[in-house]
All heavy atoms as atom14 arrays in JSON, in Angstrom:
{
  "sequence": "ESGGGLVQPGGSLKLSCAASGIIFSGNAMGWYRQARGHQRDLVGLT",
  "atom14_mask": [
    [1, 1, 1, 1, 1, 1, 1, 1, 1, 0, 0, 0, 0, 0],
    [1, 1, 1, 1, 1, 1, 0, 0, 0, 0, 0, 0, 0, 0],
    [1, 1, 1, 1, 0, 0, 0, 0, 0, 0, 0, 0, 0, 0],
    [1, 1, 1, 1, 0, 0, 0, 0, 0, 0, 0, 0, 0, 0],
    [1, 1, 1, 1, 0, 0, 0, 0, 0, 0, 0, 0, 0, 0],
    [1, 1, 1, 1, 1, 1, 1, 1, 0, 0, 0, 0, 0, 0],
    [1, 1, 1, 1, 1, 1, 1, 0, 0, 0, 0, 0, 0, 0],
    [1, 1, 1, 1, 1, 1, 1, 1, 1, 0, 0, 0, 0, 0],
    [1, 1, 1, 1, 1, 1, 1, 0, 0, 0, 0, 0, 0, 0],
    [1, 1, 1, 1, 0, 0, 0, 0, 0, 0, 0, 0, 0, 0],
    [1, 1, 1, 1, 0, 0, 0, 0, 0, 0, 0, 0, 0, 0],
    [1, 1, 1, 1, 1, 1, 0, 0, 0, 0, 0, 0, 0, 0],
    [1, 1, 1, 1, 1, 1, 1, 1, 0, 0, 0, 0, 0, 0],
    [1, 1, 1, 1, 1, 1, 1, 1, 1, 0, 0, 0, 0, 0],
    [1, 1, 1, 1, 1, 1, 1, 1, 0, 0, 0, 0, 0, 0],
    [1, 1, 1, 1, 1, 1, 0, 0, 0, 0, 0, 0, 0, 0],
    [1, 1, 1, 1, 1, 1, 0, 0, 0, 0, 0, 0, 0, 0],
    [1, 1, 1, 1, 1, 0, 0, 0, 0, 0, 0, 0, 0, 0],
    [1, 1, 1, 1, 1, 0, 0, 0, 0, 0, 0, 0, 0, 0],
    [1, 1, 1, 1, 1, 1, 0, 0, 0, 0, 0, 0, 0, 0],
    [1, 1, 1, 1, 0, 0, 0, 0, 0, 0, 0, 0, 0, 0],
    [1, 1, 1, 1, 1, 1, 1, 1, 0, 0, 0, 0, 0, 0],
    [1, 1, 1, 1, 1, 1, 1, 1, 0, 0, 0, 0, 0, 0],
    [1, 1, 1, 1, 1, 1, 1, 1, 1, 1, 1, 0, 0, 0],
    [1, 1, 1, 1, 1, 1, 0, 0, 0, 0, 0, 0, 0, 0],
    [1, 1, 1, 1, 0, 0, 0, 0, 0, 0, 0, 0, 0, 0],
    [1, 1, 1, 1, 1, 1, 1, 1, 0, 0, 0, 0, 0, 0],
    [1, 1, 1, 1, 1, 0, 0, 0, 0, 0, 0, 0, 0, 0],
    [1, 1, 1, 1, 1, 1, 1, 1, 0, 0, 0, 0, 0, 0],
    [1, 1, 1, 1, 0, 0, 0, 0, 0, 0, 0, 0, 0, 0],
    [1, 1, 1, 1, 1, 1, 1, 1, 1, 1, 1, 1, 1, 1],
    [1, 1, 1, 1, 1, 1, 1, 1, 1, 1, 1, 1, 0, 0],
    [1, 1, 1, 1, 1, 1, 1, 1, 1, 1, 1, 0, 0, 0],
    [1, 1, 1, 1, 1, 1, 1, 1, 1, 0, 0, 0, 0, 0],
    [1, 1, 1, 1, 1, 0, 0, 0, 0, 0, 0, 0, 0, 0],
    [1, 1, 1, 1, 1, 1, 1, 1, 1, 1, 1, 0, 0, 0],
    [1, 1, 1, 1, 0, 0, 0, 0, 0, 0, 0, 0, 0, 0],
    [1, 1, 1, 1, 1, 1, 1, 1, 1, 1, 0, 0, 0, 0],
    [1, 1, 1, 1, 1, 1, 1, 1, 1, 0, 0, 0, 0, 0],
    [1, 1, 1, 1, 1, 1, 1, 1, 1, 1, 1, 0, 0, 0],
    [1, 1, 1, 1, 1, 1, 1, 1, 0, 0, 0, 0, 0, 0],
    [1, 1, 1, 1, 1, 1, 1, 1, 0, 0, 0, 0, 0, 0],
    [1, 1, 1, 1, 1, 1, 1, 0, 0, 0, 0, 0, 0, 0],
    [1, 1, 1, 1, 0, 0, 0, 0, 0, 0, 0, 0, 0, 0],
    [1, 1, 1, 1, 1, 1, 1, 1, 0, 0, 0, 0, 0, 0],
    [1, 1, 1, 1, 1, 1, 1, 0, 0, 0, 0, 0, 0, 0]
  ],
  "atom14_positions": [
    [[179.59, 296.82, 134.58], [178.76, 296.95, 133.39], [177.29, 296.86, 133.76], [176.92, 296.18, 134.73], [179.07, 295.85, 132.36], [180.49, 295.83, 131.84], [181.33, 294.78, 132.52], [181.03, 294.43, 133.66], [182.31, 294.3, 131.89], [0.0, 0.0, 0.0], [0.0, 0.0, 0.0], [0.0, 0.0, 0.0], [0.0, 0.0, 0.0], [0.0, 0.0, 0.0]],
    [[176.46, 297.51, 132.97], [175.02, 297.43, 133.13], [174.36, 297.7, 131.79], [175.01, 298.17, 130.86], [174.53, 298.43, 134.18], [174.82, 299.75, 133.79], [0.0, 0.0, 0.0], [0.0, 0.0, 0.0], [0.0, 0.0, 0.0], [0.0, 0.0, 0.0], [0.0, 0.0, 0.0], [0.0, 0.0, 0.0], [0.0, 0.0, 0.0], [0.0, 0.0, 0.0]],
    [[173.07, 297.39, 131.72], [172.31, 297.68, 130.51], [172.03, 296.48, 129.63], [171.34, 296.61, 128.61], [0.0, 0.0, 0.0], [0.0, 0.0, 0.0], [0.0, 0.0, 0.0], [0.0, 0.0, 0.0], [0.0, 0.0, 0.0], [0.0, 0.0, 0.0], [0.0, 0.0, 0.0], [0.0, 0.0, 0.0], [0.0, 0.0, 0.0], [0.0, 0.0, 0.0]],
    [[172.56, 295.34, 129.98], [172.29, 294.15, 129.18], [170.87, 293.66, 129.36], [170.13, 294.14, 130.22], [0.0, 0.0, 0.0], [0.0, 0.0, 0.0], [0.0, 0.0, 0.0], [0.0, 0.0, 0.0], [0.0, 0.0, 0.0], [0.0, 0.0, 0.0], [0.0, 0.0, 0.0], [0.0, 0.0, 0.0], [0.0, 0.0, 0.0], [0.0, 0.0, 0.0]],
    [[170.49, 292.71, 128.52], [169.15, 292.16, 128.62], [168.75, 291.44, 127.36], [169.59, 291.12, 126.51], [0.0, 0.0, 0.0], [0.0, 0.0, 0.0], [0.0, 0.0, 0.0], [0.0, 0.0, 0.0], [0.0, 0.0, 0.0], [0.0, 0.0, 0.0], [0.0, 0.0, 0.0], [0.0, 0.0, 0.0], [0.0, 0.0, 0.0], [0.0, 0.0, 0.0]],
    [[167.46, 291.21, 127.24], [166.88, 290.53, 126.08], [166.29, 291.56, 125.13], [165.53, 292.45, 125.56], [165.8, 289.55, 126.54], [164.99, 288.85, 125.45], [165.89, 287.93, 124.62], [163.84, 288.06, 126.07], [0.0, 0.0, 0.0], [0.0, 0.0, 0.0], [0.0, 0.0, 0.0], [0.0, 0.0, 0.0], [0.0, 0.0, 0.0], [0.0, 0.0, 0.0]],
    [[166.64, 291.44, 123.86], [166.12, 292.37, 122.86], [165.83, 291.6, 121.58], [166.47, 290.59, 121.29], [167.14, 293.51, 122.6], [168.44, 292.96, 122.04], [166.57, 294.58, 121.71], [0.0, 0.0, 0.0], [0.0, 0.0, 0.0], [0.0, 0.0, 0.0], [0.0, 0.0, 0.0], [0.0, 0.0, 0.0], [0.0, 0.0, 0.0], [0.0, 0.0, 0.0]],
    [[164.85, 292.06, 120.83], [164.49, 291.4, 119.58], [165.47, 291.79, 118.48], [166.08, 292.87, 118.53], [163.07, 291.8, 119.18], [162.0, 291.24, 120.09], [160.61, 291.51, 119.57], [160.4, 292.37, 118.72], [159.64, 290.77, 120.08], [0.0, 0.0, 0.0], [0.0, 0.0, 0.0], [0.0, 0.0, 0.0], [0.0, 0.0, 0.0], [0.0, 0.0, 0.0]],
    [[165.62, 290.94, 117.48], [166.47, 291.29, 116.34], [166.03, 292.62, 115.74], [164.83, 292.89, 115.6], [166.24, 290.14, 115.37], [165.9, 288.98, 116.26], [165.08, 289.57, 117.38], [0.0, 0.0, 0.0], [0.0, 0.0, 0.0], [0.0, 0.0, 0.0], [0.0, 0.0, 0.0], [0.0, 0.0, 0.0], [0.0, 0.0, 0.0], [0.0, 0.0, 0.0]],
    [[167.02, 293.44, 115.4], [166.75, 294.77, 114.87], [166.64, 295.84, 115.94], [166.6, 297.03, 115.62], [0.0, 0.0, 0.0], [0.0, 0.0, 0.0], [0.0, 0.0, 0.0], [0.0, 0.0, 0.0], [0.0, 0.0, 0.0], [0.0, 0.0, 0.0], [0.0, 0.0, 0.0], [0.0, 0.0, 0.0], [0.0, 0.0, 0.0], [0.0, 0.0, 0.0]],
    [[166.59, 295.42, 117.2], [166.46, 296.38, 118.29], [167.79, 296.99, 118.71], [168.84, 296.74, 118.09], [0.0, 0.0, 0.0], [0.0, 0.0, 0.0], [0.0, 0.0, 0.0], [0.0, 0.0, 0.0], [0.0, 0.0, 0.0], [0.0, 0.0, 0.0], [0.0, 0.0, 0.0], [0.0, 0.0, 0.0], [0.0, 0.0, 0.0], [0.0, 0.0, 0.0]],
    [[167.71, 297.78, 119.77], [168.88, 298.5, 120.27], [169.03, 298.31, 121.78], [168.04, 298.09, 122.49], [168.77, 299.99, 119.98], [168.71, 300.25, 118.6], [0.0, 0.0, 0.0], [0.0, 0.0, 0.0], [0.0, 0.0, 0.0], [0.0, 0.0, 0.0], [0.0, 0.0, 0.0], [0.0, 0.0, 0.0], [0.0, 0.0, 0.0], [0.0, 0.0, 0.0]],
    [[170.26, 298.4, 122.23], [170.58, 298.43, 123.65], [171.76, 299.36, 123.85], [172.59, 299.52, 122.95], [170.97, 297.03, 124.17], [169.89, 296.05, 124.58], [170.53, 294.73, 124.99], [169.02, 296.6, 125.69], [0.0, 0.0, 0.0], [0.0, 0.0, 0.0], [0.0, 0.0, 0.0], [0.0, 0.0, 0.0], [0.0, 0.0, 0.0], [0.0, 0.0, 0.0]],
    [[171.84, 299.94, 125.05], [172.99, 300.75, 125.39], [173.59, 300.23, 126.69], [172.92, 300.21, 127.73], [172.6, 302.22, 125.55], [173.79, 303.15, 125.76], [173.36, 304.61, 125.75], [174.55, 305.55, 125.85], [174.15, 306.98, 125.78], [0.0, 0.0, 0.0], [0.0, 0.0, 0.0], [0.0, 0.0, 0.0], [0.0, 0.0, 0.0], [0.0, 0.0, 0.0]],
    [[174.82, 299.79, 126.6], [175.54, 299.3, 127.77], [176.35, 300.43, 128.4], [176.81, 301.33, 127.7], [176.48, 298.15, 127.4], [175.87, 296.97, 126.65], [176.94, 295.9, 126.44], [174.68, 296.41, 127.38], [0.0, 0.0, 0.0], [0.0, 0.0, 0.0], [0.0, 0.0, 0.0], [0.0, 0.0, 0.0], [0.0, 0.0, 0.0], [0.0, 0.0, 0.0]],
    [[176.51, 300.34, 129.71], [177.34, 301.3, 130.43], [178.43, 300.55, 131.19], [178.23, 299.41, 131.62], [176.5, 302.1, 131.41], [175.5, 302.85, 130.77], [0.0, 0.0, 0.0], [0.0, 0.0, 0.0], [0.0, 0.0, 0.0], [0.0, 0.0, 0.0], [0.0, 0.0, 0.0], [0.0, 0.0, 0.0], [0.0, 0.0, 0.0], [0.0, 0.0, 0.0]],
    [[179.54, 301.21, 131.36], [180.65, 300.68, 132.16], [181.08, 301.8, 133.1], [181.69, 302.78, 132.67], [181.8, 300.25, 131.27], [183.29, 299.74, 132.15], [0.0, 0.0, 0.0], [0.0, 0.0, 0.0], [0.0, 0.0, 0.0], [0.0, 0.0, 0.0], [0.0, 0.0, 0.0], [0.0, 0.0, 0.0], [0.0, 0.0, 0.0], [0.0, 0.0, 0.0]],
    [[180.74, 301.64, 134.36], [181.05, 302.65, 135.36], [182.31, 302.25, 136.12], [182.42, 301.12, 136.59], [179.9, 302.81, 136.34], [0.0, 0.0, 0.0], [0.0, 0.0, 0.0], [0.0, 0.0, 0.0], [0.0, 0.0, 0.0], [0.0, 0.0, 0.0], [0.0, 0.0, 0.0], [0.0, 0.0, 0.0], [0.0, 0.0, 0.0], [0.0, 0.0, 0.0]],
    [[183.25, 303.17, 136.2], [184.55, 302.88, 136.81], [184.72, 303.61, 138.13], [184.14, 304.68, 138.35], [185.67, 303.27, 135.85], [0.0, 0.0, 0.0], [0.0, 0.0, 0.0], [0.0, 0.0, 0.0], [0.0, 0.0, 0.0], [0.0, 0.0, 0.0], [0.0, 0.0, 0.0], [0.0, 0.0, 0.0], [0.0, 0.0, 0.0], [0.0, 0.0, 0.0]],
    [[185.52, 303.01, 138.98], [185.92, 303.67, 140.23], [187.35, 303.26, 140.54], [187.81, 302.21, 140.1], [184.99, 303.3, 141.38], [185.01, 301.91, 141.6], [0.0, 0.0, 0.0], [0.0, 0.0, 0.0], [0.0, 0.0, 0.0], [0.0, 0.0, 0.0], [0.0, 0.0, 0.0], [0.0, 0.0, 0.0], [0.0, 0.0, 0.0], [0.0, 0.0, 0.0]],
    [[188.06, 304.13, 141.24], [189.43, 303.82, 141.62], [190.43, 303.9, 140.5], [191.53, 303.35, 140.59], [0.0, 0.0, 0.0], [0.0, 0.0, 0.0], [0.0, 0.0, 0.0], [0.0, 0.0, 0.0], [0.0, 0.0, 0.0], [0.0, 0.0, 0.0], [0.0, 0.0, 0.0], [0.0, 0.0, 0.0], [0.0, 0.0, 0.0], [0.0, 0.0, 0.0]],
    [[190.08, 304.61, 139.44], [190.95, 304.66, 138.27], [190.8, 306.01, 137.59], [189.73, 306.62, 137.66], [190.6, 303.52, 137.29], [191.71, 303.32, 136.27], [189.27, 303.77, 136.61], [191.51, 302.07, 135.43], [0.0, 0.0, 0.0], [0.0, 0.0, 0.0], [0.0, 0.0, 0.0], [0.0, 0.0, 0.0], [0.0, 0.0, 0.0], [0.0, 0.0, 0.0]],
    [[191.87, 306.46, 136.97], [191.79, 307.68, 136.18], [191.36, 307.32, 134.77], [191.96, 306.47, 134.13], [193.16, 308.39, 136.15], [193.54, 308.85, 137.56], [193.12, 309.58, 135.2], [194.92, 309.44, 137.65], [0.0, 0.0, 0.0], [0.0, 0.0, 0.0], [0.0, 0.0, 0.0], [0.0, 0.0, 0.0], [0.0, 0.0, 0.0], [0.0, 0.0, 0.0]],
    [[190.29, 307.95, 134.3], [189.76, 307.64, 132.98], [190.49, 308.39, 131.88], [190.85, 307.82, 130.86], [188.27, 308.02, 132.94], [187.36, 306.9, 132.6], [187.5, 305.66, 133.18], [186.33, 307.08, 131.7], [186.66, 304.62, 132.87], [185.47, 306.05, 131.39], [185.63, 304.82, 131.96], [0.0, 0.0, 0.0], [0.0, 0.0, 0.0], [0.0, 0.0, 0.0]],
    [[190.68, 309.66, 132.13], [191.19, 310.55, 131.09], [192.55, 310.08, 130.58], [193.45, 309.79, 131.37], [191.3, 311.96, 131.64], [191.78, 312.84, 130.64], [0.0, 0.0, 0.0], [0.0, 0.0, 0.0], [0.0, 0.0, 0.0], [0.0, 0.0, 0.0], [0.0, 0.0, 0.0], [0.0, 0.0, 0.0], [0.0, 0.0, 0.0], [0.0, 0.0, 0.0]],
    [[192.67, 310.0, 129.25], [193.94, 309.65, 128.63], [194.2, 308.18, 128.5], [195.18, 307.78, 127.87], [0.0, 0.0, 0.0], [0.0, 0.0, 0.0], [0.0, 0.0, 0.0], [0.0, 0.0, 0.0], [0.0, 0.0, 0.0], [0.0, 0.0, 0.0], [0.0, 0.0, 0.0], [0.0, 0.0, 0.0], [0.0, 0.0, 0.0], [0.0, 0.0, 0.0]],
    [[193.34, 307.34, 129.04], [193.54, 305.89, 128.97], [192.72, 305.26, 127.86], [191.62, 305.71, 127.56], [193.18, 305.24, 130.3], [194.17, 305.56, 131.39], [195.37, 305.66, 131.14], [193.68, 305.73, 132.61], [0.0, 0.0, 0.0], [0.0, 0.0, 0.0], [0.0, 0.0, 0.0], [0.0, 0.0, 0.0], [0.0, 0.0, 0.0], [0.0, 0.0, 0.0]],
    [[193.26, 304.21, 127.28], [192.52, 303.44, 126.3], [191.51, 302.54, 127.01], [191.75, 302.08, 128.13], [193.47, 302.58, 125.47], [0.0, 0.0, 0.0], [0.0, 0.0, 0.0], [0.0, 0.0, 0.0], [0.0, 0.0, 0.0], [0.0, 0.0, 0.0], [0.0, 0.0, 0.0], [0.0, 0.0, 0.0], [0.0, 0.0, 0.0], [0.0, 0.0, 0.0]],
    [[190.4, 302.3, 126.35], [189.37, 301.44, 126.92], [188.5, 300.9, 125.82], [188.54, 301.41, 124.68], [188.53, 302.22, 127.93], [187.84, 303.44, 127.39], [187.14, 304.46, 128.71], [188.61, 305.0, 129.55], [0.0, 0.0, 0.0], [0.0, 0.0, 0.0], [0.0, 0.0, 0.0], [0.0, 0.0, 0.0], [0.0, 0.0, 0.0], [0.0, 0.0, 0.0]],
    [[187.71, 299.88, 126.12], [186.88, 299.33, 125.08], [185.97, 298.23, 125.58], [185.77, 298.07, 126.78], [0.0, 0.0, 0.0], [0.0, 0.0, 0.0], [0.0, 0.0, 0.0], [0.0, 0.0, 0.0], [0.0, 0.0, 0.0], [0.0, 0.0, 0.0], [0.0, 0.0, 0.0], [0.0, 0.0, 0.0], [0.0, 0.0, 0.0], [0.0, 0.0, 0.0]],
    [[185.46, 297.49, 124.62], [184.52, 296.41, 124.9], [184.94, 295.14, 124.17], [185.39, 295.2, 123.02], [183.12, 296.81, 124.44], [182.52, 297.94, 125.19], [182.65, 299.27, 124.92], [181.67, 297.85, 126.35], [181.95, 300.02, 125.83], [181.34, 299.17, 126.71], [181.16, 296.8, 127.09], [180.53, 299.46, 127.81], [180.35, 297.06, 128.18], [180.04, 298.38, 128.53]],
    [[184.77, 294.02, 124.84], [184.92, 292.7, 124.25], [183.61, 291.94, 124.49], [182.79, 292.33, 125.32], [186.07, 291.93, 124.92], [187.44, 292.3, 124.42], [188.05, 293.49, 124.8], [188.13, 291.45, 123.56], [189.32, 293.82, 124.34], [189.4, 291.76, 123.1], [189.98, 292.95, 123.5], [191.24, 293.28, 123.03], [0.0, 0.0, 0.0], [0.0, 0.0, 0.0]],
    [[183.45, 290.85, 123.76], [182.31, 290.0, 123.99], [182.71, 288.54, 123.83], [183.64, 288.22, 123.09], [181.15, 290.34, 123.07], [181.4, 290.06, 121.6], [180.22, 290.55, 120.76], [180.39, 290.23, 119.35], [179.54, 290.62, 118.39], [178.47, 291.33, 118.71], [179.76, 290.29, 117.14], [0.0, 0.0, 0.0], [0.0, 0.0, 0.0], [0.0, 0.0, 0.0]],
    [[181.96, 287.69, 124.52], [182.24, 286.26, 124.45], [180.93, 285.5, 124.39], [180.13, 285.52, 125.33], [183.05, 285.81, 125.67], [183.52, 284.37, 125.59], [184.55, 284.03, 126.65], [184.69, 284.71, 127.66], [185.3, 282.96, 126.43], [0.0, 0.0, 0.0], [0.0, 0.0, 0.0], [0.0, 0.0, 0.0], [0.0, 0.0, 0.0], [0.0, 0.0, 0.0]],
    [[180.72, 284.86, 123.26], [179.55, 284.0, 123.09], [179.88, 282.62, 123.67], [181.04, 282.22, 123.74], [179.19, 283.89, 121.62], [0.0, 0.0, 0.0], [0.0, 0.0, 0.0], [0.0, 0.0, 0.0], [0.0, 0.0, 0.0], [0.0, 0.0, 0.0], [0.0, 0.0, 0.0], [0.0, 0.0, 0.0], [0.0, 0.0, 0.0], [0.0, 0.0, 0.0]],
    [[178.86, 281.91, 124.05], [179.05, 280.59, 124.66], [179.81, 279.68, 123.7], [179.45, 279.54, 122.54], [177.7, 279.99, 125.02], [177.78, 278.7, 125.8], [176.41, 278.24, 126.24], [175.78, 279.23, 127.12], [174.55, 279.08, 127.6], [173.84, 278.02, 127.29], [174.05, 279.99, 128.4], [0.0, 0.0, 0.0], [0.0, 0.0, 0.0], [0.0, 0.0, 0.0]],
    [[180.88, 279.09, 124.21], [181.66, 278.18, 123.4], [182.65, 278.84, 122.45], [183.28, 278.16, 121.65], [0.0, 0.0, 0.0], [0.0, 0.0, 0.0], [0.0, 0.0, 0.0], [0.0, 0.0, 0.0], [0.0, 0.0, 0.0], [0.0, 0.0, 0.0], [0.0, 0.0, 0.0], [0.0, 0.0, 0.0], [0.0, 0.0, 0.0], [0.0, 0.0, 0.0]],
    [[182.78, 280.15, 122.55], [183.68, 280.89, 121.67], [184.71, 281.67, 122.5], [184.54, 281.87, 123.7], [182.9, 281.86, 120.79], [182.05, 281.18, 119.76], [180.84, 280.6, 120.05], [182.24, 280.99, 118.43], [180.33, 280.09, 118.96], [181.16, 280.3, 117.96], [0.0, 0.0, 0.0], [0.0, 0.0, 0.0], [0.0, 0.0, 0.0], [0.0, 0.0, 0.0]],
    [[185.74, 282.13, 121.83], [186.74, 282.95, 122.5], [186.2, 284.36, 122.67], [185.21, 284.75, 122.06], [188.03, 282.98, 121.68], [187.88, 283.68, 120.33], [189.17, 283.67, 119.52], [190.09, 282.9, 119.8], [189.27, 284.54, 118.53], [0.0, 0.0, 0.0], [0.0, 0.0, 0.0], [0.0, 0.0, 0.0], [0.0, 0.0, 0.0], [0.0, 0.0, 0.0]],
    [[186.88, 285.12, 123.53], [186.5, 286.52, 123.73], [187.02, 287.35, 122.57], [188.21, 287.31, 122.24], [187.09, 287.02, 125.06], [186.51, 288.33, 125.53], [186.95, 288.64, 126.95], [186.43, 287.68, 127.93], [186.52, 287.86, 129.24], [187.12, 288.94, 129.73], [186.04, 286.95, 130.06], [0.0, 0.0, 0.0], [0.0, 0.0, 0.0], [0.0, 0.0, 0.0]],
    [[186.13, 288.1, 121.94], [186.48, 288.88, 120.75], [186.34, 290.38, 121.0], [185.48, 290.81, 121.77], [185.57, 288.49, 119.58], [185.82, 287.08, 119.08], [186.98, 286.64, 119.12], [184.84, 286.44, 118.64], [0.0, 0.0, 0.0], [0.0, 0.0, 0.0], [0.0, 0.0, 0.0], [0.0, 0.0, 0.0], [0.0, 0.0, 0.0], [0.0, 0.0, 0.0]],
    [[187.14, 291.13, 120.28], [187.08, 292.58, 120.38], [185.81, 293.13, 119.73], [185.49, 292.78, 118.6], [188.31, 293.2, 119.7], [188.32, 294.72, 119.63], [188.52, 295.32, 121.01], [189.41, 295.2, 118.67], [0.0, 0.0, 0.0], [0.0, 0.0, 0.0], [0.0, 0.0, 0.0], [0.0, 0.0, 0.0], [0.0, 0.0, 0.0], [0.0, 0.0, 0.0]],
    [[185.11, 293.97, 120.46], [183.99, 294.72, 119.88], [184.5, 296.06, 119.37], [184.26, 296.45, 118.24], [182.89, 294.94, 120.93], [181.8, 295.86, 120.38], [182.3, 293.6, 121.37], [0.0, 0.0, 0.0], [0.0, 0.0, 0.0], [0.0, 0.0, 0.0], [0.0, 0.0, 0.0], [0.0, 0.0, 0.0], [0.0, 0.0, 0.0], [0.0, 0.0, 0.0]],
    [[185.21, 296.78, 120.21], [185.77, 298.06, 119.82], [186.7, 298.59, 120.88], [186.61, 298.2, 122.05], [0.0, 0.0, 0.0], [0.0, 0.0, 0.0], [0.0, 0.0, 0.0], [0.0, 0.0, 0.0], [0.0, 0.0, 0.0], [0.0, 0.0, 0.0], [0.0, 0.0, 0.0], [0.0, 0.0, 0.0], [0.0, 0.0, 0.0], [0.0, 0.0, 0.0]],
    [[187.58, 299.48, 120.47], [188.57, 300.03, 121.38], [188.75, 301.51, 121.07], [188.84, 301.89, 119.9], [189.9, 299.31, 121.21], [190.97, 299.55, 122.25], [190.54, 298.99, 123.59], [192.27, 298.9, 121.82], [0.0, 0.0, 0.0], [0.0, 0.0, 0.0], [0.0, 0.0, 0.0], [0.0, 0.0, 0.0], [0.0, 0.0, 0.0], [0.0, 0.0, 0.0]],
    [[188.77, 302.33, 122.12], [188.99, 303.76, 121.94], [190.24, 304.18, 122.7], [190.44, 303.77, 123.85], [187.76, 304.56, 122.39], [188.0, 305.95, 122.18], [187.41, 304.32, 123.84], [0.0, 0.0, 0.0], [0.0, 0.0, 0.0], [0.0, 0.0, 0.0], [0.0, 0.0, 0.0], [0.0, 0.0, 0.0], [0.0, 0.0, 0.0], [0.0, 0.0, 0.0]]
  ]
}
C-alpha cells in the first residue's frame, strides 16, 4: 500500500495497493481499516 499521510478534514487522499506474484483478474479484493484500539473494519470490497 502507498498514498497514506496527513490530511485536513474535508480533504482527499488516494491510496494504492500494488500487487505482485498474484493474478488480479477475476479475484475479489478490497480495503479494511483499523483505528487504534479498535477492531479491523471493512471499508469496501469489490
